[in-house]
Amino acid sequence: MKIKSLLIIALLFLLSSFSRAQTTKSGVWSAEKANAWYAQHKWINGANFTPSTAINQLEMWQADTFAPKTIDRELGYAEGIGFNAMRVFLHSMAWQQDPKGFKQRVSSYLSIADKHHIQTIFVFFDDCWNPDAKPGKQPEPKTGIHNSGWLQDPGNRIKDAGEVALLQKYVTDVLTTFKHDKRILLWDLFNEPGNSSKNDASLHLLTQIFSWARTVNPDQPISAGLWDWSLEKLNTFQLTHSDVITYHDYEDPDKHERVVQILKANGRPVICTEYMARLRNSTFENTMPILKKENVGAINWGLVSGKTNTIYAWDTPMPNGDDPKVWFHDVFRKDGTPYKQDEVNLIKQLNNKQ
């Protein structure tokens, strides 16, 4: 998330304009309801989770590669340091292959997470990384390249005849099936809309998925995270249609704290659903205590180093595949040993686990 002072001022004006008056918008939770929901939870903190055996969302959710034993083990690492929430990406093509089986696997995942006292934020659509998803066996990771196999959803399929109707059926089916499920914390409808140079072209699909979700009217709140202040139309829609405010920020703590203070002016709960990129001076040590102090949810990118290769930086490939001196994301190695013991000690301290 790139911060520019004039855009910050513009955002503050926008927040002032809508604030509590936006509760009159059809379907959006009132600020009072959103804050009452938030007050029922301990301080929300955790990670974006993909099991180490999966390169992307399809490999996580397809029947042949769904890995409940790995999920159980790795969510155990999270429970051990006090994490109580995971943000997990779904993918419509896994549902299209086998809707019933897909939902059974989602329920299985939720049972495992619940055993570890972890609630889940599920993500539907995504504008990041590879636009051409294909079902079946997924590619092997490209050596030393961050997220080499991650998939957009729907990506280029949005251009196909009948795709939007199929996406509506997918979203409606999943939301309807799990709309009362207390193991689900929040529905994150669209990850980084406008990314991959799509910009405002994603507004139409963003508008549609919010409409589909409001029609189902789940018990859980819905949101879509802010991530780029320059996307004015998308930001306006996301702010005025989300029940709780979610956002991404990989900047240094001074800038991040300023963002937090501005977003809190909206009078709604605020959850950071992506942060922690060590090479960008966004770390557990300098950011997580600020988020706890501000009572802002803290969901970092990455739990266990694996096939997503997110220990490597976005823009710094390592063709030899060596372990980078400084990991970009992630907390644990596959065997459960921490990348940095001081980090997990801090997380445990913030969660009163010591």
Foldseek 3Di string as FASTA:
>chain_A
DDDDVVLLVVLLVLLVVPFQVLCVPPLAHGQVVQVVLLVVDDLAEEAADDQQQDLEQQLCQAPVRPDLVSLLVLLLLGLLLQHAEYEYEHALVSCVVPVVSSLVSVVSSLVSSVVSNHAYAYEYFEPDDDQDDDHDDFDFFQFQAASNGYYGVPRPCVPPPPPLVSSLVSLLVNCLVCLAPPSHAEYAYYEPPCPPVCQCVRVVVVVVSLVSNSVSSGPHWYAHAAEDSVSPVVVSCRLSSGNAYEYEDAAAAVVVLSVLVSSCSSSHAYEYQEYAFVVRNTHLVRHVVSCVVSSYHYYYYAAENHRSSQQHDNPDGDNVNDRDPGGGDYFYYSVSHGPDPVSSVVSSVSSVND
